[in-house]
């Protein structure tokens, strides 16, 4: 009986923790989910006011699209990495893409803009590994402000009209905390 009660408490607390983290929002494709972390607000605001907001979500650029398994594996591991960085205070105020993420972003730039790269500007198809060995430039070497604008810091978009998500804390619990 004690083991069943303990398992219930652990599952209940785990479920509440996931709910308060808004873990369910990351299963979808809504860019507002990225704003569960206040650090992402300027990135969301600058993306929302860019031309990419009409045709691309965060997942279109930041998650691989090779196959279903790779998509969800990357999304899950990258998401848990961000959660752990935030929980332990390791996230930088102006995050930079790690190599795995940079490769995914560049692959997705090329995936969406393949015709432009091969037929109009004739840059051809380069990949992130070629950039690493000095055989080409990354897309953002020339297009630094796409799609997030110039400086992305907490102060870069102070007047941005960004819809913050509602608090996941139930009203009865908020009243108890006052």
C-alpha atoms as a PDB file:
ATOM      1  CA  UNK A   1       0.000   0.000   0.000  1.00  0.00           C
ATOM      2  CA  UNK A   2       2.871   2.359   0.883  1.00  0.00           C
ATOM      3  CA  UNK A   3       4.555   1.650  -2.464  1.00  0.00           C
ATOM      4  CA  UNK A   4       1.335   2.443  -4.338  1.00  0.00           C
ATOM      5  CA  UNK A   5       0.935   5.723  -2.409  1.00  0.00           C
ATOM      6  CA  UNK A   6       4.558   6.693  -3.058  1.00  0.00           C
ATOM      7  CA  UNK A   7       4.202   5.870  -6.761  1.00  0.00           C
ATOM      8  CA  UNK A   8       1.056   8.018  -6.871  1.00  0.00           C
ATOM      9  CA  UNK A   9       2.818  10.941  -5.206  1.00  0.00           C
ATOM     10  CA  UNK A  10       5.803  10.652  -7.547  1.00  0.00           C
ATOM     11  CA  UNK A  11       3.587  10.404 -10.647  1.00  0.00           C
ATOM     12  CA  UNK A  12       1.390  13.262  -9.431  1.00  0.00           C
ATOM     13  CA  UNK A  13       4.338  15.540  -8.687  1.00  0.00           C
ATOM     14  CA  UNK A  14       5.957  14.577 -11.996  1.00  0.00           C
ATOM     15  CA  UNK A  15       2.746  15.339 -13.858  1.00  0.00           C
ATOM     16  CA  UNK A  16       2.376  18.691 -12.094  1.00  0.00           C
ATOM     17  CA  UNK A  17       6.012  19.513 -12.893  1.00  0.00           C
ATOM     18  CA  UNK A  18       5.469  18.738 -16.595  1.00  0.00           C
ATOM     19  CA  UNK A  19       2.252  20.753 -16.582  1.00  0.00           C
ATOM     20  CA  UNK A  20       3.924  23.763 -14.967  1.00  0.00           C
ATOM     21  CA  UNK A  21       6.745  23.509 -17.520  1.00  0.00           C
ATOM     22  CA  UNK A  22       4.044  23.503 -20.219  1.00  0.00           C
ATOM     23  CA  UNK A  23       5.611  20.366 -21.693  1.00  0.00           C
ATOM     24  CA  UNK A  24       2.440  19.632 -23.668  1.00  0.00           C
ATOM     25  CA  UNK A  25       2.849  22.839 -25.709  1.00  0.00           C
ATOM     26  CA  UNK A  26       6.075  21.555 -27.244  1.00  0.00           C
ATOM     27  CA  UNK A  27       4.304  18.631 -28.895  1.00  0.00           C
ATOM     28  CA  UNK A  28       2.697  21.001 -31.373  1.00  0.00           C
ATOM     29  CA  UNK A  29       4.034  23.465 -33.895  1.00  0.00           C
ATOM     30  CA  UNK A  30       2.923  26.765 -32.318  1.00  0.00           C
ATOM     31  CA  UNK A  31       5.834  29.240 -32.121  1.00  0.00           C
ATOM     32  CA  UNK A  32       4.312  30.764 -28.972  1.00  0.00           C
ATOM     33  CA  UNK A  33       5.436  27.597 -27.142  1.00  0.00           C
ATOM     34  CA  UNK A  34       9.004  28.848 -27.459  1.00  0.00           C
ATOM     35  CA  UNK A  35       8.035  31.793 -25.265  1.00  0.00           C
ATOM     36  CA  UNK A  36       7.455  29.537 -22.284  1.00  0.00           C
ATOM     37  CA  UNK A  37      10.982  30.643 -21.543  1.00  0.00           C
ATOM     38  CA  UNK A  38      11.256  34.422 -21.113  1.00  0.00           C
ATOM     39  CA  UNK A  39      14.673  34.322 -22.758  1.00  0.00           C
ATOM     40  CA  UNK A  40      13.039  33.539 -26.106  1.00  0.00           C
ATOM     41  CA  UNK A  41      10.714  36.566 -26.112  1.00  0.00           C
ATOM     42  CA  UNK A  42      12.918  38.816 -28.293  1.00  0.00           C
ATOM     43  CA  UNK A  43      13.504  35.951 -30.731  1.00  0.00           C
ATOM     44  CA  UNK A  44       9.767  35.361 -30.983  1.00  0.00           C
ATOM     45  CA  UNK A  45       9.053  39.090 -31.383  1.00  0.00           C
ATOM     46  CA  UNK A  46      11.633  39.612 -34.113  1.00  0.00           C
ATOM     47  CA  UNK A  47      10.552  36.437 -35.941  1.00  0.00           C
ATOM     48  CA  UNK A  48       6.891  37.496 -35.685  1.00  0.00           C
ATOM     49  CA  UNK A  49       7.714  40.781 -37.455  1.00  0.00           C
ATOM     50  CA  UNK A  50       9.859  39.151 -40.159  1.00  0.00           C
ATOM     51  CA  UNK A  51       8.902  37.788 -43.548  1.00  0.00           C
ATOM     52  CA  UNK A  52       9.545  34.242 -42.269  1.00  0.00           C
ATOM     53  CA  UNK A  53       6.581  34.430 -39.881  1.00  0.00           C
ATOM     54  CA  UNK A  54       4.210  34.135 -42.843  1.00  0.00           C
ATOM     55  CA  UNK A  55       5.635  30.793 -43.990  1.00  0.00           C
ATOM     56  CA  UNK A  56       7.838  29.223 -41.317  1.00  0.00           C
ATOM     57  CA  UNK A  57       7.507  28.239 -37.681  1.00  0.00           C
ATOM     58  CA  UNK A  58      10.349  27.656 -35.215  1.00  0.00           C
ATOM     59  CA  UNK A  59      10.255  23.933 -36.014  1.00  0.00           C
ATOM     60  CA  UNK A  60      10.588  24.573 -39.750  1.00  0.00           C
ATOM     61  CA  UNK A  61      14.050  26.034 -39.155  1.00  0.00           C
ATOM     62  CA  UNK A  62      15.284  24.523 -35.896  1.00  0.00           C
ATOM     63  CA  UNK A  63      14.311  20.833 -36.235  1.00  0.00           C
ATOM     64  CA  UNK A  64      15.545  18.378 -38.905  1.00  0.00           C
ATOM     65  CA  UNK A  65      13.033  17.241 -41.506  1.00  0.00           C
ATOM     66  CA  UNK A  66      14.848  14.160 -42.840  1.00  0.00           C
ATOM     67  CA  UNK A  67      12.388  11.705 -41.297  1.00  0.00           C
ATOM     68  CA  UNK A  68       9.816  11.321 -38.533  1.00  0.00           C
ATOM     69  CA  UNK A  69      12.163   9.625 -36.036  1.00  0.00           C
ATOM     70  CA  UNK A  70      14.984  12.147 -36.459  1.00  0.00           C
ATOM     71  CA  UNK A  71      12.516  15.038 -36.153  1.00  0.00           C
ATOM     72  CA  UNK A  72      11.110  13.866 -32.808  1.00  0.00           C
ATOM     73  CA  UNK A  73      14.428  12.616 -31.415  1.00  0.00           C
ATOM     74  CA  UNK A  74      16.111  15.959 -32.102  1.00  0.00           C
ATOM     75  CA  UNK A  75      13.151  17.962 -30.842  1.00  0.00           C
ATOM     76  CA  UNK A  76      13.037  15.928 -27.610  1.00  0.00           C
ATOM     77  CA  UNK A  77      16.751  15.927 -26.844  1.00  0.00           C
ATOM     78  CA  UNK A  78      17.219  19.582 -27.780  1.00  0.00           C
ATOM     79  CA  UNK A  79      14.182  20.552 -25.708  1.00  0.00           C
ATOM     80  CA  UNK A  80      15.396  18.638 -22.662  1.00  0.00           C
ATOM     81  CA  UNK A  81      18.823  20.232 -23.075  1.00  0.00           C
ATOM     82  CA  UNK A  82      17.210  23.688 -22.962  1.00  0.00           C
ATOM     83  CA  UNK A  83      15.121  22.735 -19.922  1.00  0.00           C
ATOM     84  CA  UNK A  84      18.195  21.511 -18.069  1.00  0.00           C
ATOM     85  CA  UNK A  85      20.140  24.666 -19.003  1.00  0.00           C
ATOM     86  CA  UNK A  86      17.336  26.814 -17.618  1.00  0.00           C
ATOM     87  CA  UNK A  87      16.848  24.741 -14.458  1.00  0.00           C
ATOM     88  CA  UNK A  88      20.536  24.883 -13.596  1.00  0.00           C
ATOM     89  CA  UNK A  89      21.101  28.494 -14.680  1.00  0.00           C
ATOM     90  CA  UNK A  90      23.429  27.587 -17.551  1.00  0.00           C
ATOM     91  CA  UNK A  91      21.527  29.323 -20.381  1.00  0.00           C
ATOM     92  CA  UNK A  92      23.263  32.414 -21.746  1.00  0.00           C
ATOM     93  CA  UNK A  93      21.256  35.614 -22.134  1.00  0.00           C
ATOM     94  CA  UNK A  94      22.075  35.626 -25.858  1.00  0.00           C
ATOM     95  CA  UNK A  95      22.219  31.937 -26.781  1.00  0.00           C
ATOM     96  CA  UNK A  96      24.233  30.786 -29.766  1.00  0.00           C
ATOM     97  CA  UNK A  97      23.502  27.661 -31.754  1.00  0.00           C
ATOM     98  CA  UNK A  98      25.661  24.663 -30.981  1.00  0.00           C
ATOM     99  CA  UNK A  99      27.090  22.735 -33.948  1.00  0.00           C
ATOM    100  CA  UNK A 100      24.235  20.207 -34.163  1.00  0.00           C
ATOM    101  CA  UNK A 101      21.632  22.991 -34.179  1.00  0.00           C
ATOM    102  CA  UNK A 102      23.622  25.139 -36.612  1.00  0.00           C
ATOM    103  CA  UNK A 103      23.798  22.202 -39.014  1.00  0.00           C
ATOM    104  CA  UNK A 104      20.032  21.651 -38.775  1.00  0.00           C
ATOM    105  CA  UNK A 105      19.312  25.362 -39.332  1.00  0.00           C
ATOM    106  CA  UNK A 106      21.586  25.536 -42.369  1.00  0.00           C
ATOM    107  CA  UNK A 107      20.154  22.323 -43.835  1.00  0.00           C
ATOM    108  CA  UNK A 108      16.693  23.837 -43.469  1.00  0.00           C
ATOM    109  CA  UNK A 109      17.751  27.120 -45.099  1.00  0.00           C
ATOM    110  CA  UNK A 110      18.989  25.109 -48.058  1.00  0.00           C
ATOM    111  CA  UNK A 111      15.888  22.885 -48.052  1.00  0.00           C
ATOM    112  CA  UNK A 112      13.545  25.879 -48.347  1.00  0.00           C
ATOM    113  CA  UNK A 113      15.734  28.007 -50.583  1.00  0.00           C
ATOM    114  CA  UNK A 114      17.237  25.307 -52.843  1.00  0.00           C
ATOM    115  CA  UNK A 115      15.912  26.835 -56.059  1.00  0.00           C
ATOM    116  CA  UNK A 116      17.245  30.259 -55.111  1.00  0.00           C
ATOM    117  CA  UNK A 117      20.703  28.837 -54.304  1.00  0.00           C
ATOM    118  CA  UNK A 118      21.063  26.721 -57.421  1.00  0.00           C
ATOM    119  CA  UNK A 119      19.277  28.689 -60.141  1.00  0.00           C
ATOM    120  CA  UNK A 120      19.287  32.370 -59.245  1.00  0.00           C
ATOM    121  CA  UNK A 121      22.398  33.237 -57.248  1.00  0.00           C
ATOM    122  CA  UNK A 122      24.372  30.132 -58.259  1.00  0.00           C
ATOM    123  CA  UNK A 123      25.935  29.545 -54.851  1.00  0.00           C
ATOM    124  CA  UNK A 124      25.242  25.857 -55.232  1.00  0.00           C
ATOM    125  CA  UNK A 125      24.460  23.470 -52.437  1.00  0.00           C
ATOM    126  CA  UNK A 126      26.927  23.734 -49.610  1.00  0.00           C
ATOM    127  CA  UNK A 127      26.440  22.180 -46.233  1.00  0.00           C
ATOM    128  CA  UNK A 128      27.500  22.966 -42.706  1.00  0.00           C
ATOM    129  CA  UNK A 129      30.456  20.552 -42.827  1.00  0.00           C
ATOM    130  CA  UNK A 130      31.858  22.465 -45.809  1.00  0.00           C
ATOM    131  CA  UNK A 131      31.521  25.657 -43.754  1.00  0.00           C
ATOM    132  CA  UNK A 132      33.412  24.025 -40.876  1.00  0.00           C
ATOM    133  CA  UNK A 133      36.325  23.172 -43.175  1.00  0.00           C
ATOM    134  CA  UNK A 134      36.404  26.632 -44.775  1.00  0.00           C
ATOM    135  CA  UNK A 135      34.960  25.542 -48.138  1.00  0.00           C
ATOM    136  CA  UNK A 136      32.016  27.927 -47.993  1.00  0.00           C
ATOM    137  CA  UNK A 137      30.017  30.294 -45.870  1.00  0.00           C
ATOM    138  CA  UNK A 138      27.064  29.609 -43.633  1.00  0.00           C
ATOM    139  CA  UNK A 139      23.790  31.230 -44.653  1.00  0.00           C
ATOM    140  CA  UNK A 140      23.910  33.545 -41.625  1.00  0.00           C
ATOM    141  CA  UNK A 141      27.362  34.854 -42.538  1.00  0.00           C
ATOM    142  CA  UNK A 142      25.590  37.079 -45.067  1.00  0.00           C
ATOM    143  CA  UNK A 143      22.035  36.960 -43.720  1.00  0.00           C
ATOM    144  CA  UNK A 144      22.792  37.625 -40.041  1.00  0.00           C
ATOM    145  CA  UNK A 145      19.508  39.413 -39.368  1.00  0.00           C
ATOM    146  CA  UNK A 146      17.240  36.752 -40.911  1.00  0.00           C
ATOM    147  CA  UNK A 147      14.710  36.046 -39.467  1.00  0.00           C
ATOM    148  CA  UNK A 148      15.347  37.324 -35.957  1.00  0.00           C
ATOM    149  CA  UNK A 149      16.618  40.824 -36.617  1.00  0.00           C
ATOM    150  CA  UNK A 150      19.908  42.240 -35.421  1.00  0.00           C
ATOM    151  CA  UNK A 151      20.696  42.144 -31.744  1.00  0.00           C
ATOM    152  CA  UNK A 152      18.661  39.604 -29.854  1.00  0.00           C
ATOM    153  CA  UNK A 153      18.817  40.327 -26.190  1.00  0.00           C
ATOM    154  CA  UNK A 154      16.244  40.978 -23.527  1.00  0.00           C
ATOM    155  CA  UNK A 155      16.613  44.699 -24.242  1.00  0.00           C
ATOM    156  CA  UNK A 156      16.512  44.527 -28.051  1.00  0.00           C
ATOM    157  CA  UNK A 157      12.717  44.519 -28.323  1.00  0.00           C
ATOM    158  CA  UNK A 158      11.501  46.421 -25.260  1.00  0.00           C
ATOM    159  CA  UNK A 159       8.311  47.686 -26.884  1.00  0.00           C
ATOM    160  CA  UNK A 160       7.446  44.515 -28.786  1.00  0.00           C
ATOM    161  CA  UNK A 161       3.820  43.560 -28.504  1.00  0.00           C
ATOM    162  CA  UNK A 162       4.381  39.931 -27.572  1.00  0.00           C
ATOM    163  CA  UNK A 163       1.514  37.872 -26.200  1.00  0.00           C
ATOM    164  CA  UNK A 164       2.703  36.130 -23.062  1.00  0.00           C
ATOM    165  CA  UNK A 165       1.085  32.770 -22.360  1.00  0.00           C
ATOM    166  CA  UNK A 166      -1.361  32.541 -19.484  1.00  0.00           C
ATOM    167  CA  UNK A 167      -0.068  31.162 -16.213  1.00  0.00           C
ATOM    168  CA  UNK A 168      -0.488  27.393 -15.908  1.00  0.00           C
ATOM    169  CA  UNK A 169      -0.847  27.686 -12.130  1.00  0.00           C
ATOM    170  CA  UNK A 170      -4.475  27.024 -11.149  1.00  0.00           C
ATOM    171  CA  UNK A 171      -6.353  29.979  -9.634  1.00  0.00           C
ATOM    172  CA  UNK A 172      -6.875  28.216  -6.292  1.00  0.00           C
ATOM    173  CA  UNK A 173      -3.115  27.702  -5.963  1.00  0.00           C
ATOM    174  CA  UNK A 174      -2.374  31.313  -6.897  1.00  0.00           C
ATOM    175  CA  UNK A 175      -4.734  32.454  -4.112  1.00  0.00           C
ATOM    176  CA  UNK A 176      -2.964  30.204  -1.619  1.00  0.00           C
ATOM    177  CA  UNK A 177       0.433  31.643  -2.602  1.00  0.00           C
ATOM    178  CA  UNK A 178      -0.660  35.252  -1.901  1.00  0.00           C
END
